[in-house]
Amino acid sequence: MKLKRKNKAMEVFSMASMTDTIFLLLIFFMVSSTLVVPSSLKVTLPKSSQQSAPRPITRIVLTKDLQYFVGVEGGDDQQVSFEEIAPYLAATQAINPDMYVALYADEEVSYREIVRLLNIAVENKYQMVLATRPLE
């Protein structure tokens, strides 16, 4: 005895759930991409034709009114005095010996202040890169 089905399978594929999934992924990537900002401090970087290739792990930010901020990648910047920079970098290097230090100095800062920070890197043999913005 052959039984008959009362309802047939639909031959149409609904794309509604697929578009919902794509829309949610788009929103996720748009929101998470805005979180990849190196620093929220307003620093006007000098221009350069060459950009640094390695990703720095530790950063030093020097504002035009000579305020120093330090931070690690993915973390918030904290304001420190000049004397606190060397111990902070030493503690960071103890955690990660292959660290890079990125120096974000405002273009209006005198060269003397930048050299003071570079001397810390030379004395302790840190790998330091100067952050710049691309030429337009």
C-alpha atoms as a PDB file:
ATOM      1  CA  MET A   1       0.000   0.000   0.000  1.00  0.00           C
ATOM      2  CA  LYS A   2       1.403   3.287  -1.095  1.00  0.00           C
ATOM      3  CA  LEU A   3       0.937   6.281   1.211  1.00  0.00           C
ATOM      4  CA  LYS A   4       0.620   9.755  -0.240  1.00  0.00           C
ATOM      5  CA  ARG A   5       2.058  12.844   1.339  1.00  0.00           C
ATOM      6  CA  LYS A   6      -0.338  15.633   2.112  1.00  0.00           C
ATOM      7  CA  ASN A   7       2.151  18.472   1.699  1.00  0.00           C
ATOM      8  CA  LYS A   8       4.970  18.780  -0.786  1.00  0.00           C
ATOM      9  CA  ALA A   9       8.468  20.141  -0.132  1.00  0.00           C
ATOM     10  CA  MET A  10       8.975  23.678  -1.346  1.00  0.00           C
ATOM     11  CA  GLU A  11      11.486  24.085  -4.123  1.00  0.00           C
ATOM     12  CA  VAL A  12      12.216  27.751  -3.305  1.00  0.00           C
ATOM     13  CA  PHE A  13      15.219  28.754  -1.156  1.00  0.00           C
ATOM     14  CA  SER A  14      14.629  31.695   1.190  1.00  0.00           C
ATOM     15  CA  MET A  15      17.511  34.163   1.463  1.00  0.00           C
ATOM     16  CA  ALA A  16      16.017  36.048   4.435  1.00  0.00           C
ATOM     17  CA  SER A  17      18.141  34.346   7.083  1.00  0.00           C
ATOM     18  CA  MET A  18      21.281  34.740   4.958  1.00  0.00           C
ATOM     19  CA  THR A  19      20.808  38.500   4.597  1.00  0.00           C
ATOM     20  CA  ASP A  20      20.181  38.835   8.342  1.00  0.00           C
ATOM     21  CA  THR A  21      23.443  37.033   9.059  1.00  0.00           C
ATOM     22  CA  ILE A  22      25.404  39.191   6.598  1.00  0.00           C
ATOM     23  CA  PHE A  23      23.864  42.352   8.066  1.00  0.00           C
ATOM     24  CA  LEU A  24      24.862  41.351  11.608  1.00  0.00           C
ATOM     25  CA  LEU A  25      28.427  40.559  10.475  1.00  0.00           C
ATOM     26  CA  LEU A  26      28.652  43.934   8.763  1.00  0.00           C
ATOM     27  CA  ILE A  27      27.561  45.726  11.937  1.00  0.00           C
ATOM     28  CA  PHE A  28      30.039  43.707  14.025  1.00  0.00           C
ATOM     29  CA  PHE A  29      33.017  44.560  11.797  1.00  0.00           C
ATOM     30  CA  MET A  30      32.049  48.235  11.568  1.00  0.00           C
ATOM     31  CA  VAL A  31      31.858  48.550  15.357  1.00  0.00           C
ATOM     32  CA  SER A  32      35.026  46.555  16.057  1.00  0.00           C
ATOM     33  CA  SER A  33      37.062  48.442  13.450  1.00  0.00           C
ATOM     34  CA  THR A  34      36.459  51.741  15.241  1.00  0.00           C
ATOM     35  CA  LEU A  35      38.078  50.275  18.357  1.00  0.00           C
ATOM     36  CA  VAL A  36      41.465  49.892  16.631  1.00  0.00           C
ATOM     37  CA  VAL A  37      42.569  53.463  17.300  1.00  0.00           C
ATOM     38  CA  PRO A  38      46.170  53.707  18.536  1.00  0.00           C
ATOM     39  CA  SER A  39      45.506  56.658  20.788  1.00  0.00           C
ATOM     40  CA  SER A  40      42.714  59.055  21.533  1.00  0.00           C
ATOM     41  CA  LEU A  41      45.117  61.886  22.317  1.00  0.00           C
ATOM     42  CA  LYS A  42      45.278  64.739  19.816  1.00  0.00           C
ATOM     43  CA  VAL A  43      48.823  64.704  18.455  1.00  0.00           C
ATOM     44  CA  THR A  44      49.726  66.086  15.030  1.00  0.00           C
ATOM     45  CA  LEU A  45      52.427  63.769  13.718  1.00  0.00           C
ATOM     46  CA  PRO A  46      55.109  64.965  11.302  1.00  0.00           C
ATOM     47  CA  LYS A  47      54.842  63.811   7.682  1.00  0.00           C
ATOM     48  CA  SER A  48      57.119  61.206   6.125  1.00  0.00           C
ATOM     49  CA  SER A  49      57.271  59.226   2.899  1.00  0.00           C
ATOM     50  CA  GLN A  50      58.240  56.049   4.796  1.00  0.00           C
ATOM     51  CA  GLN A  51      55.914  54.435   7.314  1.00  0.00           C
ATOM     52  CA  SER A  52      57.050  52.017  10.011  1.00  0.00           C
ATOM     53  CA  ALA A  53      56.385  48.362   9.254  1.00  0.00           C
ATOM     54  CA  PRO A  54      56.591  46.676  12.688  1.00  0.00           C
ATOM     55  CA  ARG A  55      53.653  46.914  15.015  1.00  0.00           C
ATOM     56  CA  PRO A  56      54.701  48.564  18.243  1.00  0.00           C
ATOM     57  CA  ILE A  57      53.663  47.012  21.498  1.00  0.00           C
ATOM     58  CA  THR A  58      54.423  49.981  23.763  1.00  0.00           C
ATOM     59  CA  ARG A  59      53.807  53.607  22.896  1.00  0.00           C
ATOM     60  CA  ILE A  60      54.953  56.945  24.262  1.00  0.00           C
ATOM     61  CA  VAL A  61      52.870  59.992  23.380  1.00  0.00           C
ATOM     62  CA  LEU A  62      54.333  63.475  23.759  1.00  0.00           C
ATOM     63  CA  THR A  63      51.831  66.305  23.359  1.00  0.00           C
ATOM     64  CA  LYS A  64      52.684  69.827  22.259  1.00  0.00           C
ATOM     65  CA  ASP A  65      52.365  71.104  25.849  1.00  0.00           C
ATOM     66  CA  LEU A  66      55.011  68.519  26.941  1.00  0.00           C
ATOM     67  CA  GLN A  67      52.741  66.025  28.666  1.00  0.00           C
ATOM     68  CA  TYR A  68      53.927  62.410  28.554  1.00  0.00           C
ATOM     69  CA  PHE A  69      51.568  59.453  28.154  1.00  0.00           C
ATOM     70  CA  VAL A  70      52.508  55.765  28.042  1.00  0.00           C
ATOM     71  CA  GLY A  71      50.451  52.747  27.099  1.00  0.00           C
ATOM     72  CA  VAL A  72      50.517  49.276  25.645  1.00  0.00           C
ATOM     73  CA  GLU A  73      48.779  48.128  22.510  1.00  0.00           C
ATOM     74  CA  GLY A  74      45.102  47.609  23.164  1.00  0.00           C
ATOM     75  CA  GLY A  75      45.195  49.516  26.456  1.00  0.00           C
ATOM     76  CA  ASP A  76      44.510  53.041  27.613  1.00  0.00           C
ATOM     77  CA  ASP A  77      47.197  55.698  27.847  1.00  0.00           C
ATOM     78  CA  GLN A  78      48.150  56.966  31.271  1.00  0.00           C
ATOM     79  CA  GLN A  79      49.856  60.260  32.015  1.00  0.00           C
ATOM     80  CA  VAL A  80      53.309  59.988  33.602  1.00  0.00           C
ATOM     81  CA  SER A  81      56.235  62.262  34.355  1.00  0.00           C
ATOM     82  CA  PHE A  82      59.465  62.025  32.361  1.00  0.00           C
ATOM     83  CA  GLU A  83      61.196  60.180  35.226  1.00  0.00           C
ATOM     84  CA  GLU A  84      58.538  57.438  35.207  1.00  0.00           C
ATOM     85  CA  ILE A  85      59.038  56.516  31.540  1.00  0.00           C
ATOM     86  CA  ALA A  86      62.245  54.449  31.918  1.00  0.00           C
ATOM     87  CA  PRO A  87      60.869  52.223  34.753  1.00  0.00           C
ATOM     88  CA  TYR A  88      57.631  51.726  32.803  1.00  0.00           C
ATOM     89  CA  LEU A  89      59.536  50.596  29.705  1.00  0.00           C
ATOM     90  CA  ALA A  90      61.728  48.290  31.799  1.00  0.00           C
ATOM     91  CA  ALA A  91      58.660  46.640  33.315  1.00  0.00           C
ATOM     92  CA  THR A  92      57.098  46.245  29.870  1.00  0.00           C
ATOM     93  CA  GLN A  93      60.290  44.738  28.454  1.00  0.00           C
ATOM     94  CA  ALA A  94      60.407  42.220  31.317  1.00  0.00           C
ATOM     95  CA  ILE A  95      57.008  40.960  30.152  1.00  0.00           C
ATOM     96  CA  ASN A  96      57.868  40.987  26.425  1.00  0.00           C
ATOM     97  CA  PRO A  97      61.602  41.135  25.551  1.00  0.00           C
ATOM     98  CA  ASP A  98      60.915  41.630  21.807  1.00  0.00           C
ATOM     99  CA  MET A  99      58.891  44.797  22.290  1.00  0.00           C
ATOM    100  CA  TYR A 100      58.906  47.798  19.990  1.00  0.00           C
ATOM    101  CA  VAL A 101      58.388  51.279  21.364  1.00  0.00           C
ATOM    102  CA  ALA A 102      56.514  53.758  19.184  1.00  0.00           C
ATOM    103  CA  LEU A 103      57.093  57.445  19.831  1.00  0.00           C
ATOM    104  CA  TYR A 104      54.110  59.628  18.941  1.00  0.00           C
ATOM    105  CA  ALA A 105      55.445  63.188  19.282  1.00  0.00           C
ATOM    106  CA  ASP A 106      53.557  66.268  18.159  1.00  0.00           C
ATOM    107  CA  GLU A 107      55.255  68.062  15.280  1.00  0.00           C
ATOM    108  CA  GLU A 108      55.483  71.258  17.358  1.00  0.00           C
ATOM    109  CA  VAL A 109      57.570  69.608  20.111  1.00  0.00           C
ATOM    110  CA  SER A 110      61.181  70.745  20.228  1.00  0.00           C
ATOM    111  CA  TYR A 111      63.827  68.325  19.052  1.00  0.00           C
ATOM    112  CA  ARG A 112      65.459  68.400  22.520  1.00  0.00           C
ATOM    113  CA  GLU A 113      62.454  66.630  24.095  1.00  0.00           C
ATOM    114  CA  ILE A 114      62.447  63.938  21.416  1.00  0.00           C
ATOM    115  CA  VAL A 115      66.180  63.331  21.886  1.00  0.00           C
ATOM    116  CA  ARG A 116      65.624  62.884  25.636  1.00  0.00           C
ATOM    117  CA  LEU A 117      63.192  60.048  24.869  1.00  0.00           C
ATOM    118  CA  LEU A 118      65.492  58.564  22.239  1.00  0.00           C
ATOM    119  CA  ASN A 119      68.313  58.519  24.795  1.00  0.00           C
ATOM    120  CA  ILE A 120      66.215  56.317  27.071  1.00  0.00           C
ATOM    121  CA  ALA A 121      65.824  53.861  24.190  1.00  0.00           C
ATOM    122  CA  VAL A 122      69.541  53.904  23.328  1.00  0.00           C
ATOM    123  CA  GLU A 123      70.696  53.464  26.936  1.00  0.00           C
ATOM    124  CA  ASN A 124      68.388  50.484  27.473  1.00  0.00           C
ATOM    125  CA  LYS A 125      68.705  49.068  23.924  1.00  0.00           C
ATOM    126  CA  TYR A 126      64.994  49.300  23.126  1.00  0.00           C
ATOM    127  CA  GLN A 127      63.806  49.086  19.538  1.00  0.00           C
ATOM    128  CA  MET A 128      62.103  52.430  18.942  1.00  0.00           C
ATOM    129  CA  VAL A 129      60.187  53.710  15.933  1.00  0.00           C
ATOM    130  CA  LEU A 130      59.009  57.258  15.314  1.00  0.00           C
ATOM    131  CA  ALA A 131      55.371  57.463  14.325  1.00  0.00           C
ATOM    132  CA  THR A 132      54.614  59.718  11.360  1.00  0.00           C
ATOM    133  CA  ARG A 133      51.686  60.379   9.085  1.00  0.00           C
ATOM    134  CA  PRO A 134      51.895  59.758   5.327  1.00  0.00           C
ATOM    135  CA  LEU A 135      52.602  62.540   2.842  1.00  0.00           C
ATOM    136  CA  GLU A 136      49.544  63.744   0.979  1.00  0.00           C
END
